[in-house]
């Protein structure tokens, strides 16, 4: 099988955010090399196809390669994460079977506000929130209770999340909203901060769906706030990283585990996720509050989804193979004669 492993390159100068955000942005190539290695060990011909500033170059490389499938690891286009969905749409237009979420799903799950709207519409628990759009001054927080957490509306990988994201008063709230507006040039999502256990629920498959063993993020004493900050996720030399420890499988009561997996599966289906995804949850007083839904999350060998798959008896090579086979099955279905 001839597979193109596509990932996005990072521009020399980021369009927005902090200089340190390059760490997560550059992780796409490391992830791509791991996937390429697994595919080759499975007997496939796997070539890396980077996506840079000139989309026509990537298209020419793909046409020359003539892949049977594209393993899509692109998280944006030349520093613009909002165009992640556009890259997936390009693969669709070129008629290459593509792993992971559809363009619509990527667009919806990247928009934290719209995701929460959909969850609430379907009766799933998520923290109360409001959206302060770019340039908007009026704060509609009368129905929200402090502490609050402020996040960039469209970012993932914990971009823009740090200890100062948790606020206890209006002055700090306004300051953090201004930071998000200035630094990330997008709206700020303000939601009630749920003090509880942080659970990651990975889901694999397409009818049937498989909820993988749950993972808990344990926070060591000494952190200002028990959150998965950017430093805690990406800066290995930081105190936050050392104090943010994944435990898989999560030690939950049977009833709690069933409830969390049920909520994660329902969210996966509502957003029409495909192949694999991760649902981030805060468990408080028996209620699993959905924080985010991550379509096409990191599938590096040491990332959470691969760790959960391993606990389910699925090796890394088997995980990559299953994801590839799901994309190929869609191609067969799409081209099947009526």
C-alpha atoms as a PDB file:
ATOM      1  CA  UNK A   1       0.000   0.000   0.000  1.00  0.00           C
ATOM      2  CA  UNK A   2       1.303   3.439  -0.954  1.00  0.00           C
ATOM      3  CA  UNK A   3       0.582   5.948   1.848  1.00  0.00           C
ATOM      4  CA  UNK A   4       1.335   9.679   2.017  1.00  0.00           C
ATOM      5  CA  UNK A   5       1.907  10.886   5.581  1.00  0.00           C
ATOM      6  CA  UNK A   6       1.045  14.594   5.485  1.00  0.00           C
ATOM      7  CA  UNK A   7       1.962  17.097   8.191  1.00  0.00           C
ATOM      8  CA  UNK A   8       2.153  20.871   8.358  1.00  0.00           C
ATOM      9  CA  UNK A   9       5.387  22.839   8.481  1.00  0.00           C
ATOM     10  CA  UNK A  10       5.750  25.845  10.782  1.00  0.00           C
ATOM     11  CA  UNK A  11       6.619  29.296   9.400  1.00  0.00           C
ATOM     12  CA  UNK A  12       9.771  31.036  10.692  1.00  0.00           C
ATOM     13  CA  UNK A  13       7.567  33.713  12.260  1.00  0.00           C
ATOM     14  CA  UNK A  14       4.333  32.594  13.918  1.00  0.00           C
ATOM     15  CA  UNK A  15       1.256  34.551  12.876  1.00  0.00           C
ATOM     16  CA  UNK A  16      -0.102  34.713  16.428  1.00  0.00           C
ATOM     17  CA  UNK A  17       0.498  33.437  19.924  1.00  0.00           C
ATOM     18  CA  UNK A  18       3.662  33.192  21.997  1.00  0.00           C
ATOM     19  CA  UNK A  19       7.121  32.378  20.674  1.00  0.00           C
ATOM     20  CA  UNK A  20       7.117  29.201  22.760  1.00  0.00           C
ATOM     21  CA  UNK A  21       4.073  27.907  20.898  1.00  0.00           C
ATOM     22  CA  UNK A  22       6.478  26.536  18.293  1.00  0.00           C
ATOM     23  CA  UNK A  23       7.092  23.503  20.505  1.00  0.00           C
ATOM     24  CA  UNK A  24       3.646  22.048  19.919  1.00  0.00           C
ATOM     25  CA  UNK A  25       3.515  23.261  16.316  1.00  0.00           C
ATOM     26  CA  UNK A  26       6.750  21.471  15.467  1.00  0.00           C
ATOM     27  CA  UNK A  27       5.533  18.275  17.110  1.00  0.00           C
ATOM     28  CA  UNK A  28       3.610  17.434  13.921  1.00  0.00           C
ATOM     29  CA  UNK A  29       6.777  16.304  12.137  1.00  0.00           C
ATOM     30  CA  UNK A  30       7.828  14.097  15.056  1.00  0.00           C
ATOM     31  CA  UNK A  31       4.367  12.521  15.051  1.00  0.00           C
ATOM     32  CA  UNK A  32       4.541  12.028  11.271  1.00  0.00           C
ATOM     33  CA  UNK A  33       7.872  10.201  11.480  1.00  0.00           C
ATOM     34  CA  UNK A  34       6.452   7.835  14.108  1.00  0.00           C
ATOM     35  CA  UNK A  35       3.453   7.069  11.902  1.00  0.00           C
ATOM     36  CA  UNK A  36       5.717   6.578   8.874  1.00  0.00           C
ATOM     37  CA  UNK A  37       7.885   4.118  10.822  1.00  0.00           C
ATOM     38  CA  UNK A  38       4.837   2.113  11.935  1.00  0.00           C
ATOM     39  CA  UNK A  39       3.435   1.996   8.404  1.00  0.00           C
ATOM     40  CA  UNK A  40       6.730   0.767   6.988  1.00  0.00           C
ATOM     41  CA  UNK A  41       6.956  -1.921   9.664  1.00  0.00           C
ATOM     42  CA  UNK A  42       3.469  -2.989   8.560  1.00  0.00           C
ATOM     43  CA  UNK A  43       4.826  -3.475   5.041  1.00  0.00           C
ATOM     44  CA  UNK A  44       3.483  -0.291   3.442  1.00  0.00           C
ATOM     45  CA  UNK A  45       5.357   2.224   1.338  1.00  0.00           C
ATOM     46  CA  UNK A  46       5.047   5.411   3.409  1.00  0.00           C
ATOM     47  CA  UNK A  47       6.384   8.796   2.314  1.00  0.00           C
ATOM     48  CA  UNK A  48       6.393  12.036   4.291  1.00  0.00           C
ATOM     49  CA  UNK A  49       4.677  14.893   2.458  1.00  0.00           C
ATOM     50  CA  UNK A  50       5.134  18.206   4.298  1.00  0.00           C
ATOM     51  CA  UNK A  51       2.668  21.026   3.791  1.00  0.00           C
ATOM     52  CA  UNK A  52       4.444  24.374   3.560  1.00  0.00           C
ATOM     53  CA  UNK A  53       3.547  27.853   2.417  1.00  0.00           C
ATOM     54  CA  UNK A  54       2.845  26.842  -1.211  1.00  0.00           C
ATOM     55  CA  UNK A  55      -0.100  24.453  -1.451  1.00  0.00           C
ATOM     56  CA  UNK A  56       0.658  23.746  -5.125  1.00  0.00           C
ATOM     57  CA  UNK A  57       3.971  22.105  -4.168  1.00  0.00           C
ATOM     58  CA  UNK A  58       2.160  19.655  -1.898  1.00  0.00           C
ATOM     59  CA  UNK A  59      -0.413  18.910  -4.579  1.00  0.00           C
ATOM     60  CA  UNK A  60       2.359  18.180  -7.099  1.00  0.00           C
ATOM     61  CA  UNK A  61       4.088  15.852  -4.631  1.00  0.00           C
ATOM     62  CA  UNK A  62       0.856  13.975  -3.990  1.00  0.00           C
ATOM     63  CA  UNK A  63       0.107  13.613  -7.700  1.00  0.00           C
ATOM     64  CA  UNK A  64       3.607  12.292  -8.314  1.00  0.00           C
ATOM     65  CA  UNK A  65       3.314   9.872  -5.406  1.00  0.00           C
ATOM     66  CA  UNK A  66      -0.226   8.716  -6.353  1.00  0.00           C
ATOM     67  CA  UNK A  67      -0.996   7.434  -2.839  1.00  0.00           C
ATOM     68  CA  UNK A  68      -3.683   4.891  -2.073  1.00  0.00           C
ATOM     69  CA  UNK A  69      -4.446   6.920   1.061  1.00  0.00           C
ATOM     70  CA  UNK A  70      -3.367  10.039   2.923  1.00  0.00           C
ATOM     71  CA  UNK A  71      -2.572   9.826   6.616  1.00  0.00           C
ATOM     72  CA  UNK A  72      -3.640  13.319   7.623  1.00  0.00           C
ATOM     73  CA  UNK A  73      -1.634  14.802  10.494  1.00  0.00           C
ATOM     74  CA  UNK A  74      -2.010  18.442   9.390  1.00  0.00           C
ATOM     75  CA  UNK A  75      -3.143  20.737  12.202  1.00  0.00           C
ATOM     76  CA  UNK A  76      -3.362  23.881  10.119  1.00  0.00           C
ATOM     77  CA  UNK A  77      -1.791  25.654   7.173  1.00  0.00           C
ATOM     78  CA  UNK A  78       1.437  27.660   7.517  1.00  0.00           C
ATOM     79  CA  UNK A  79       0.789  28.756  11.096  1.00  0.00           C
ATOM     80  CA  UNK A  80      -2.966  29.226  10.725  1.00  0.00           C
ATOM     81  CA  UNK A  81      -4.765  26.564  12.766  1.00  0.00           C
ATOM     82  CA  UNK A  82      -8.147  27.805  11.550  1.00  0.00           C
ATOM     83  CA  UNK A  83      -7.334  26.279   8.160  1.00  0.00           C
ATOM     84  CA  UNK A  84      -7.007  22.730   9.491  1.00  0.00           C
ATOM     85  CA  UNK A  85     -10.412  21.925   8.017  1.00  0.00           C
ATOM     86  CA  UNK A  86      -9.379  23.381   4.650  1.00  0.00           C
ATOM     87  CA  UNK A  87      -6.474  20.946   4.377  1.00  0.00           C
ATOM     88  CA  UNK A  88      -8.768  17.963   4.968  1.00  0.00           C
ATOM     89  CA  UNK A  89     -11.150  19.413   2.369  1.00  0.00           C
ATOM     90  CA  UNK A  90      -8.266  19.616  -0.119  1.00  0.00           C
ATOM     91  CA  UNK A  91      -7.594  15.898   0.261  1.00  0.00           C
ATOM     92  CA  UNK A  92     -11.296  15.265  -0.328  1.00  0.00           C
ATOM     93  CA  UNK A  93     -11.269  17.391  -3.481  1.00  0.00           C
ATOM     94  CA  UNK A  94      -8.231  15.497  -4.755  1.00  0.00           C
ATOM     95  CA  UNK A  95     -10.162  12.272  -4.108  1.00  0.00           C
ATOM     96  CA  UNK A  96      -7.608  10.757  -1.744  1.00  0.00           C
ATOM     97  CA  UNK A  97      -9.047   8.643   1.089  1.00  0.00           C
ATOM     98  CA  UNK A  98      -7.977  10.489   4.196  1.00  0.00           C
ATOM     99  CA  UNK A  99      -7.612   9.338   7.787  1.00  0.00           C
ATOM    100  CA  UNK A 100      -9.331  11.065  10.652  1.00  0.00           C
ATOM    101  CA  UNK A 101     -12.115  13.606  10.893  1.00  0.00           C
ATOM    102  CA  UNK A 102     -14.046  15.201   8.055  1.00  0.00           C
ATOM    103  CA  UNK A 103     -13.543  18.915   7.268  1.00  0.00           C
ATOM    104  CA  UNK A 104     -16.867  19.819   8.921  1.00  0.00           C
ATOM    105  CA  UNK A 105     -16.016  17.911  12.094  1.00  0.00           C
ATOM    106  CA  UNK A 106     -12.589  19.568  12.299  1.00  0.00           C
ATOM    107  CA  UNK A 107     -14.148  23.000  11.904  1.00  0.00           C
ATOM    108  CA  UNK A 108     -16.794  22.382  14.566  1.00  0.00           C
ATOM    109  CA  UNK A 109     -14.551  20.803  17.190  1.00  0.00           C
ATOM    110  CA  UNK A 110     -11.934  23.506  16.778  1.00  0.00           C
ATOM    111  CA  UNK A 111     -14.585  26.086  17.653  1.00  0.00           C
ATOM    112  CA  UNK A 112     -14.995  25.614  21.408  1.00  0.00           C
ATOM    113  CA  UNK A 113     -18.102  27.810  21.557  1.00  0.00           C
ATOM    114  CA  UNK A 114     -19.970  25.984  18.777  1.00  0.00           C
ATOM    115  CA  UNK A 115     -18.969  22.624  20.250  1.00  0.00           C
ATOM    116  CA  UNK A 116     -20.490  23.607  23.580  1.00  0.00           C
ATOM    117  CA  UNK A 117     -23.637  24.880  21.847  1.00  0.00           C
ATOM    118  CA  UNK A 118     -24.097  21.459  20.244  1.00  0.00           C
ATOM    119  CA  UNK A 119     -23.407  19.592  23.464  1.00  0.00           C
ATOM    120  CA  UNK A 120     -25.987  21.626  25.354  1.00  0.00           C
ATOM    121  CA  UNK A 121     -28.507  21.204  22.548  1.00  0.00           C
ATOM    122  CA  UNK A 122     -28.212  17.444  23.010  1.00  0.00           C
ATOM    123  CA  UNK A 123     -28.359  17.532  26.797  1.00  0.00           C
ATOM    124  CA  UNK A 124     -24.716  16.718  27.520  1.00  0.00           C
ATOM    125  CA  UNK A 125     -23.009  18.350  30.523  1.00  0.00           C
ATOM    126  CA  UNK A 126     -20.461  21.092  29.862  1.00  0.00           C
ATOM    127  CA  UNK A 127     -19.417  24.040  32.072  1.00  0.00           C
ATOM    128  CA  UNK A 128     -21.467  27.249  31.838  1.00  0.00           C
ATOM    129  CA  UNK A 129     -19.797  29.753  29.538  1.00  0.00           C
ATOM    130  CA  UNK A 130     -19.910  32.930  27.545  1.00  0.00           C
ATOM    131  CA  UNK A 131     -17.976  34.095  24.505  1.00  0.00           C
ATOM    132  CA  UNK A 132     -16.253  37.475  24.375  1.00  0.00           C
ATOM    133  CA  UNK A 133     -15.593  38.097  20.698  1.00  0.00           C
ATOM    134  CA  UNK A 134     -12.564  39.954  19.412  1.00  0.00           C
ATOM    135  CA  UNK A 135     -13.079  43.675  20.032  1.00  0.00           C
ATOM    136  CA  UNK A 136     -16.087  43.113  22.272  1.00  0.00           C
ATOM    137  CA  UNK A 137     -16.054  44.958  25.607  1.00  0.00           C
ATOM    138  CA  UNK A 138     -19.287  43.986  27.333  1.00  0.00           C
ATOM    139  CA  UNK A 139     -18.869  40.991  29.655  1.00  0.00           C
ATOM    140  CA  UNK A 140     -21.983  38.867  30.081  1.00  0.00           C
ATOM    141  CA  UNK A 141     -20.929  36.958  33.186  1.00  0.00           C
ATOM    142  CA  UNK A 142     -23.907  37.540  35.460  1.00  0.00           C
ATOM    143  CA  UNK A 143     -24.845  33.855  35.326  1.00  0.00           C
ATOM    144  CA  UNK A 144     -21.295  32.551  35.801  1.00  0.00           C
ATOM    145  CA  UNK A 145     -19.678  31.818  39.144  1.00  0.00           C
ATOM    146  CA  UNK A 146     -15.992  32.390  39.906  1.00  0.00           C
ATOM    147  CA  UNK A 147     -13.442  30.904  39.535  1.00  0.00           C
ATOM    148  CA  UNK A 148     -13.533  31.153  35.749  1.00  0.00           C
ATOM    149  CA  UNK A 149     -11.130  29.924  33.091  1.00  0.00           C
ATOM    150  CA  UNK A 150     -10.378  31.937  29.936  1.00  0.00           C
ATOM    151  CA  UNK A 151      -9.348  30.134  26.737  1.00  0.00           C
ATOM    152  CA  UNK A 152      -8.711  31.102  23.115  1.00  0.00           C
ATOM    153  CA  UNK A 153     -11.800  30.131  21.142  1.00  0.00           C
ATOM    154  CA  UNK A 154     -10.102  28.246  18.314  1.00  0.00           C
ATOM    155  CA  UNK A 155      -6.838  26.793  19.674  1.00  0.00           C
ATOM    156  CA  UNK A 156      -5.952  23.290  20.830  1.00  0.00           C
ATOM    157  CA  UNK A 157      -2.842  21.661  22.370  1.00  0.00           C
ATOM    158  CA  UNK A 158      -3.393  23.890  25.462  1.00  0.00           C
ATOM    159  CA  UNK A 159      -2.236  26.955  23.512  1.00  0.00           C
ATOM    160  CA  UNK A 160      -2.941  30.062  25.549  1.00  0.00           C
ATOM    161  CA  UNK A 161      -3.585  28.075  28.741  1.00  0.00           C
ATOM    162  CA  UNK A 162      -1.520  28.816  31.850  1.00  0.00           C
ATOM    163  CA  UNK A 163      -1.906  29.488  35.548  1.00  0.00           C
ATOM    164  CA  UNK A 164      -3.163  33.014  34.779  1.00  0.00           C
ATOM    165  CA  UNK A 165      -6.029  31.536  32.748  1.00  0.00           C
ATOM    166  CA  UNK A 166      -7.893  30.884  36.031  1.00  0.00           C
ATOM    167  CA  UNK A 167      -9.374  34.115  37.380  1.00  0.00           C
ATOM    168  CA  UNK A 168     -11.227  34.978  40.590  1.00  0.00           C
ATOM    169  CA  UNK A 169     -12.316  38.557  39.973  1.00  0.00           C
ATOM    170  CA  UNK A 170     -13.416  40.956  37.256  1.00  0.00           C
ATOM    171  CA  UNK A 171     -10.089  42.773  37.021  1.00  0.00           C
ATOM    172  CA  UNK A 172      -8.141  39.583  36.302  1.00  0.00           C
ATOM    173  CA  UNK A 173     -10.903  38.398  33.986  1.00  0.00           C
ATOM    174  CA  UNK A 174     -10.668  41.511  31.825  1.00  0.00           C
ATOM    175  CA  UNK A 175      -6.880  41.271  31.801  1.00  0.00           C
ATOM    176  CA  UNK A 176      -6.942  37.665  30.614  1.00  0.00           C
ATOM    177  CA  UNK A 177      -9.560  38.330  27.957  1.00  0.00           C
ATOM    178  CA  UNK A 178      -7.400  41.164  26.674  1.00  0.00           C
ATOM    179  CA  UNK A 179      -4.400  38.800  26.593  1.00  0.00           C
ATOM    180  CA  UNK A 180      -6.286  36.291  24.442  1.00  0.00           C
ATOM    181  CA  UNK A 181      -7.543  39.029  22.113  1.00  0.00           C
ATOM    182  CA  UNK A 182      -4.101  40.587  21.683  1.00  0.00           C
ATOM    183  CA  UNK A 183      -1.970  37.461  21.570  1.00  0.00           C
ATOM    184  CA  UNK A 184      -4.166  35.004  19.699  1.00  0.00           C
ATOM    185  CA  UNK A 185      -6.321  37.480  17.736  1.00  0.00           C
ATOM    186  CA  UNK A 186      -9.580  35.656  18.374  1.00  0.00           C
ATOM    187  CA  UNK A 187     -12.495  35.489  20.752  1.00  0.00           C
ATOM    188  CA  UNK A 188     -12.069  34.435  24.374  1.00  0.00           C
ATOM    189  CA  UNK A 189     -14.161  31.611  25.781  1.00  0.00           C
ATOM    190  CA  UNK A 190     -14.981  32.246  29.439  1.00  0.00           C
ATOM    191  CA  UNK A 191     -16.352  29.278  31.364  1.00  0.00           C
ATOM    192  CA  UNK A 192     -16.818  28.187  34.930  1.00  0.00           C
ATOM    193  CA  UNK A 193     -13.754  26.346  36.189  1.00  0.00           C
ATOM    194  CA  UNK A 194     -14.725  22.867  37.330  1.00  0.00           C
ATOM    195  CA  UNK A 195     -12.692  21.694  40.292  1.00  0.00           C
ATOM    196  CA  UNK A 196     -12.579  17.940  39.854  1.00  0.00           C
ATOM    197  CA  UNK A 197     -10.733  14.986  38.343  1.00  0.00           C
ATOM    198  CA  UNK A 198      -9.363  15.436  34.817  1.00  0.00           C
ATOM    199  CA  UNK A 199     -10.280  12.465  32.627  1.00  0.00           C
ATOM    200  CA  UNK A 200      -9.313  11.828  29.001  1.00  0.00           C
ATOM    201  CA  UNK A 201     -11.675   9.521  27.114  1.00  0.00           C
ATOM    202  CA  UNK A 202     -10.303   8.198  23.809  1.00  0.00           C
ATOM    203  CA  UNK A 203     -12.686   6.737  21.241  1.00  0.00           C
ATOM    204  CA  UNK A 204     -11.775   4.593  18.266  1.00  0.00           C
ATOM    205  CA  UNK A 205     -13.816   3.479  15.278  1.00  0.00           C
ATOM    206  CA  UNK A 206     -16.887   4.131  13.164  1.00  0.00           C
ATOM    207  CA  UNK A 207     -20.013   2.184  14.055  1.00  0.00           C
ATOM    208  CA  UNK A 208     -19.066   0.159  15.974  1.00  0.00           C
ATOM    209  CA  UNK A 209     -17.349   2.659  18.235  1.00  0.00           C
ATOM    210  CA  UNK A 210     -14.899   1.609  20.925  1.00  0.00           C
ATOM    211  CA  UNK A 211     -14.316   3.585  24.103  1.00  0.00           C
ATOM    212  CA  UNK A 212     -10.716   2.889  25.112  1.00  0.00           C
ATOM    213  CA  UNK A 213      -9.567   2.647  28.746  1.00  0.00           C
ATOM    214  CA  UNK A 214      -9.875   6.013  30.450  1.00  0.00           C
ATOM    215  CA  UNK A 215      -6.861   8.058  31.497  1.00  0.00           C
ATOM    216  CA  UNK A 216      -6.633  10.462  34.424  1.00  0.00           C
ATOM    217  CA  UNK A 217      -4.309  13.447  34.655  1.00  0.00           C
ATOM    218  CA  UNK A 218      -2.911  13.608  38.175  1.00  0.00           C
ATOM    219  CA  UNK A 219      -1.697  16.975  39.419  1.00  0.00           C
ATOM    220  CA  UNK A 220       1.044  17.003  42.046  1.00  0.00           C
ATOM    221  CA  UNK A 221       0.868  19.422  44.997  1.00  0.00           C
ATOM    222  CA  UNK A 222       2.435  22.822  44.460  1.00  0.00           C
ATOM    223  CA  UNK A 223       0.707  23.848  41.235  1.00  0.00           C
ATOM    224  CA  UNK A 224      -1.162  27.163  41.372  1.00  0.00           C
ATOM    225  CA  UNK A 225      -4.067  25.481  39.621  1.00  0.00           C
ATOM    226  CA  UNK A 226      -4.750  21.871  38.702  1.00  0.00           C
ATOM    227  CA  UNK A 227      -4.963  22.312  34.938  1.00  0.00           C
ATOM    228  CA  UNK A 228      -3.232  20.923  31.854  1.00  0.00           C
ATOM    229  CA  UNK A 229      -1.351  24.087  30.960  1.00  0.00           C
ATOM    230  CA  UNK A 230       0.753  24.571  27.846  1.00  0.00           C
ATOM    231  CA  UNK A 231       3.951  24.165  29.886  1.00  0.00           C
ATOM    232  CA  UNK A 232       2.508  21.109  31.630  1.00  0.00           C
ATOM    233  CA  UNK A 233       1.838  19.481  28.272  1.00  0.00           C
ATOM    234  CA  UNK A 234       4.871  20.520  26.204  1.00  0.00           C
ATOM    235  CA  UNK A 235       7.804  21.934  28.236  1.00  0.00           C
ATOM    236  CA  UNK A 236       9.551  18.883  29.632  1.00  0.00           C
ATOM    237  CA  UNK A 237      11.927  21.004  31.702  1.00  0.00           C
ATOM    238  CA  UNK A 238       9.113  22.849  33.485  1.00  0.00           C
ATOM    239  CA  UNK A 239       7.772  22.226  36.996  1.00  0.00           C
ATOM    240  CA  UNK A 240       4.267  22.044  35.480  1.00  0.00           C
ATOM    241  CA  UNK A 241       5.310  19.170  33.213  1.00  0.00           C
ATOM    242  CA  UNK A 242       6.778  17.201  36.127  1.00  0.00           C
ATOM    243  CA  UNK A 243       3.614  17.797  38.150  1.00  0.00           C
ATOM    244  CA  UNK A 244       1.203  16.684  35.382  1.00  0.00           C
ATOM    245  CA  UNK A 245       1.183  12.889  35.319  1.00  0.00           C
ATOM    246  CA  UNK A 246      -1.124  10.651  33.222  1.00  0.00           C
ATOM    247  CA  UNK A 247      -2.472   7.501  34.875  1.00  0.00           C
ATOM    248  CA  UNK A 248      -4.016   4.890  32.584  1.00  0.00           C
ATOM    249  CA  UNK A 249      -6.283   3.155  33.267  1.00  0.00           C
ATOM    250  CA  UNK A 250      -7.901   5.742  35.514  1.00  0.00           C
ATOM    251  CA  UNK A 251      -8.918   4.370  38.924  1.00  0.00           C
ATOM    252  CA  UNK A 252     -12.663   5.005  38.712  1.00  0.00           C
ATOM    253  CA  UNK A 253     -15.638   3.275  40.230  1.00  0.00           C
ATOM    254  CA  UNK A 254     -17.527   1.053  37.818  1.00  0.00           C
ATOM    255  CA  UNK A 255     -20.501   3.402  37.663  1.00  0.00           C
ATOM    256  CA  UNK A 256     -18.271   6.433  37.063  1.00  0.00           C
ATOM    257  CA  UNK A 257     -16.409   4.680  34.257  1.00  0.00           C
ATOM    258  CA  UNK A 258     -19.630   3.673  32.518  1.00  0.00           C
ATOM    259  CA  UNK A 259     -21.002   7.214  32.785  1.00  0.00           C
ATOM    260  CA  UNK A 260     -17.832   8.892  31.478  1.00  0.00           C
ATOM    261  CA  UNK A 261     -17.542   6.504  28.534  1.00  0.00           C
ATOM    262  CA  UNK A 262     -21.221   6.943  27.680  1.00  0.00           C
ATOM    263  CA  UNK A 263     -20.911  10.740  27.624  1.00  0.00           C
ATOM    264  CA  UNK A 264     -17.721  10.537  25.532  1.00  0.00           C
ATOM    265  CA  UNK A 265     -19.336   8.207  22.990  1.00  0.00           C
ATOM    266  CA  UNK A 266     -22.398  10.426  22.695  1.00  0.00           C
ATOM    267  CA  UNK A 267     -20.226  13.501  22.132  1.00  0.00           C
ATOM    268  CA  UNK A 268     -18.158  11.611  19.516  1.00  0.00           C
ATOM    269  CA  UNK A 269     -21.331  10.742  17.602  1.00  0.00           C
ATOM    270  CA  UNK A 270     -22.958  14.188  17.905  1.00  0.00           C
ATOM    271  CA  UNK A 271     -19.895  15.929  16.428  1.00  0.00           C
ATOM    272  CA  UNK A 272     -19.615  13.132  13.844  1.00  0.00           C
ATOM    273  CA  UNK A 273     -16.020  12.339  14.729  1.00  0.00           C
ATOM    274  CA  UNK A 274     -14.336   9.754  12.571  1.00  0.00           C
ATOM    275  CA  UNK A 275     -11.713   7.031  13.132  1.00  0.00           C
ATOM    276  CA  UNK A 276     -10.365   8.386  16.434  1.00  0.00           C
ATOM    277  CA  UNK A 277     -10.832  11.277  18.851  1.00  0.00           C
ATOM    278  CA  UNK A 278     -10.325  12.263  22.486  1.00  0.00           C
ATOM    279  CA  UNK A 279     -12.907  13.805  24.780  1.00  0.00           C
ATOM    280  CA  UNK A 280     -11.541  15.822  27.722  1.00  0.00           C
ATOM    281  CA  UNK A 281     -13.730  15.694  30.813  1.00  0.00           C
ATOM    282  CA  UNK A 282     -13.798  17.047  34.364  1.00  0.00           C
ATOM    283  CA  UNK A 283     -15.544  14.714  36.804  1.00  0.00           C
ATOM    284  CA  UNK A 284     -17.139  16.480  39.761  1.00  0.00           C
ATOM    285  CA  UNK A 285     -19.740  15.040  42.139  1.00  0.00           C
ATOM    286  CA  UNK A 286     -20.463  12.240  39.708  1.00  0.00           C
ATOM    287  CA  UNK A 287     -21.087  14.598  36.756  1.00  0.00           C
ATOM    288  CA  UNK A 288     -18.743  14.280  33.723  1.00  0.00           C
ATOM    289  CA  UNK A 289     -18.451  17.835  32.354  1.00  0.00           C
ATOM    290  CA  UNK A 290     -17.153  17.869  28.786  1.00  0.00           C
ATOM    291  CA  UNK A 291     -14.398  20.464  28.332  1.00  0.00           C
ATOM    292  CA  UNK A 292     -13.375  19.801  24.733  1.00  0.00           C
ATOM    293  CA  UNK A 293     -13.613  17.285  21.920  1.00  0.00           C
ATOM    294  CA  UNK A 294     -10.334  16.729  20.110  1.00  0.00           C
ATOM    295  CA  UNK A 295     -10.760  15.389  16.593  1.00  0.00           C
ATOM    296  CA  UNK A 296      -7.478  14.070  15.151  1.00  0.00           C
ATOM    297  CA  UNK A 297      -5.612  14.289  18.464  1.00  0.00           C
ATOM    298  CA  UNK A 298      -1.905  13.519  18.762  1.00  0.00           C
ATOM    299  CA  UNK A 299      -1.234   9.865  17.967  1.00  0.00           C
ATOM    300  CA  UNK A 300       2.477   9.800  18.732  1.00  0.00           C
ATOM    301  CA  UNK A 301       3.573   6.588  20.507  1.00  0.00           C
ATOM    302  CA  UNK A 302       3.846   8.391  23.862  1.00  0.00           C
ATOM    303  CA  UNK A 303       0.621  10.404  23.522  1.00  0.00           C
ATOM    304  CA  UNK A 304      -2.570   9.718  25.441  1.00  0.00           C
ATOM    305  CA  UNK A 305      -4.516   7.997  22.683  1.00  0.00           C
ATOM    306  CA  UNK A 306      -1.762   5.471  21.972  1.00  0.00           C
ATOM    307  CA  UNK A 307      -1.383   4.885  25.712  1.00  0.00           C
ATOM    308  CA  UNK A 308      -5.093   4.134  26.057  1.00  0.00           C
ATOM    309  CA  UNK A 309      -4.988   1.831  23.015  1.00  0.00           C
ATOM    310  CA  UNK A 310      -2.072  -0.065  24.526  1.00  0.00           C
ATOM    311  CA  UNK A 311      -4.117  -0.649  27.681  1.00  0.00           C
ATOM    312  CA  UNK A 312      -6.837  -2.105  25.445  1.00  0.00           C
ATOM    313  CA  UNK A 313      -4.326  -4.561  23.971  1.00  0.00           C
ATOM    314  CA  UNK A 314      -3.826  -2.593  20.747  1.00  0.00           C
ATOM    315  CA  UNK A 315      -0.150  -2.074  19.899  1.00  0.00           C
ATOM    316  CA  UNK A 316       1.011   1.123  18.230  1.00  0.00           C
ATOM    317  CA  UNK A 317       1.378  -0.597  14.857  1.00  0.00           C
ATOM    318  CA  UNK A 318      -2.091  -2.103  15.210  1.00  0.00           C
ATOM    319  CA  UNK A 319      -3.516   1.323  16.068  1.00  0.00           C
ATOM    320  CA  UNK A 320      -1.996   2.919  12.972  1.00  0.00           C
ATOM    321  CA  UNK A 321      -3.154   0.017  10.815  1.00  0.00           C
ATOM    322  CA  UNK A 322      -6.732   0.242  12.115  1.00  0.00           C
ATOM    323  CA  UNK A 323      -6.882   3.970  11.379  1.00  0.00           C
ATOM    324  CA  UNK A 324      -5.534   3.395   7.861  1.00  0.00           C
ATOM    325  CA  UNK A 325      -7.982   0.565   7.195  1.00  0.00           C
ATOM    326  CA  UNK A 326     -10.924   2.764   8.225  1.00  0.00           C
ATOM    327  CA  UNK A 327      -9.919   5.355   5.628  1.00  0.00           C
ATOM    328  CA  UNK A 328      -9.558   2.693   2.936  1.00  0.00           C
ATOM    329  CA  UNK A 329     -12.955   1.269   3.812  1.00  0.00           C
ATOM    330  CA  UNK A 330     -14.517   4.690   3.168  1.00  0.00           C
ATOM    331  CA  UNK A 331     -12.885   4.693  -0.283  1.00  0.00           C
ATOM    332  CA  UNK A 332     -14.372   1.289  -1.068  1.00  0.00           C
ATOM    333  CA  UNK A 333     -17.802   2.417   0.085  1.00  0.00           C
ATOM    334  CA  UNK A 334     -17.625   5.668  -1.893  1.00  0.00           C
ATOM    335  CA  UNK A 335     -16.605   3.912  -5.100  1.00  0.00           C
ATOM    336  CA  UNK A 336     -18.883   0.904  -4.742  1.00  0.00           C
ATOM    337  CA  UNK A 337     -21.263   0.367  -7.645  1.00  0.00           C
ATOM    338  CA  UNK A 338     -24.963   0.803  -6.821  1.00  0.00           C
END
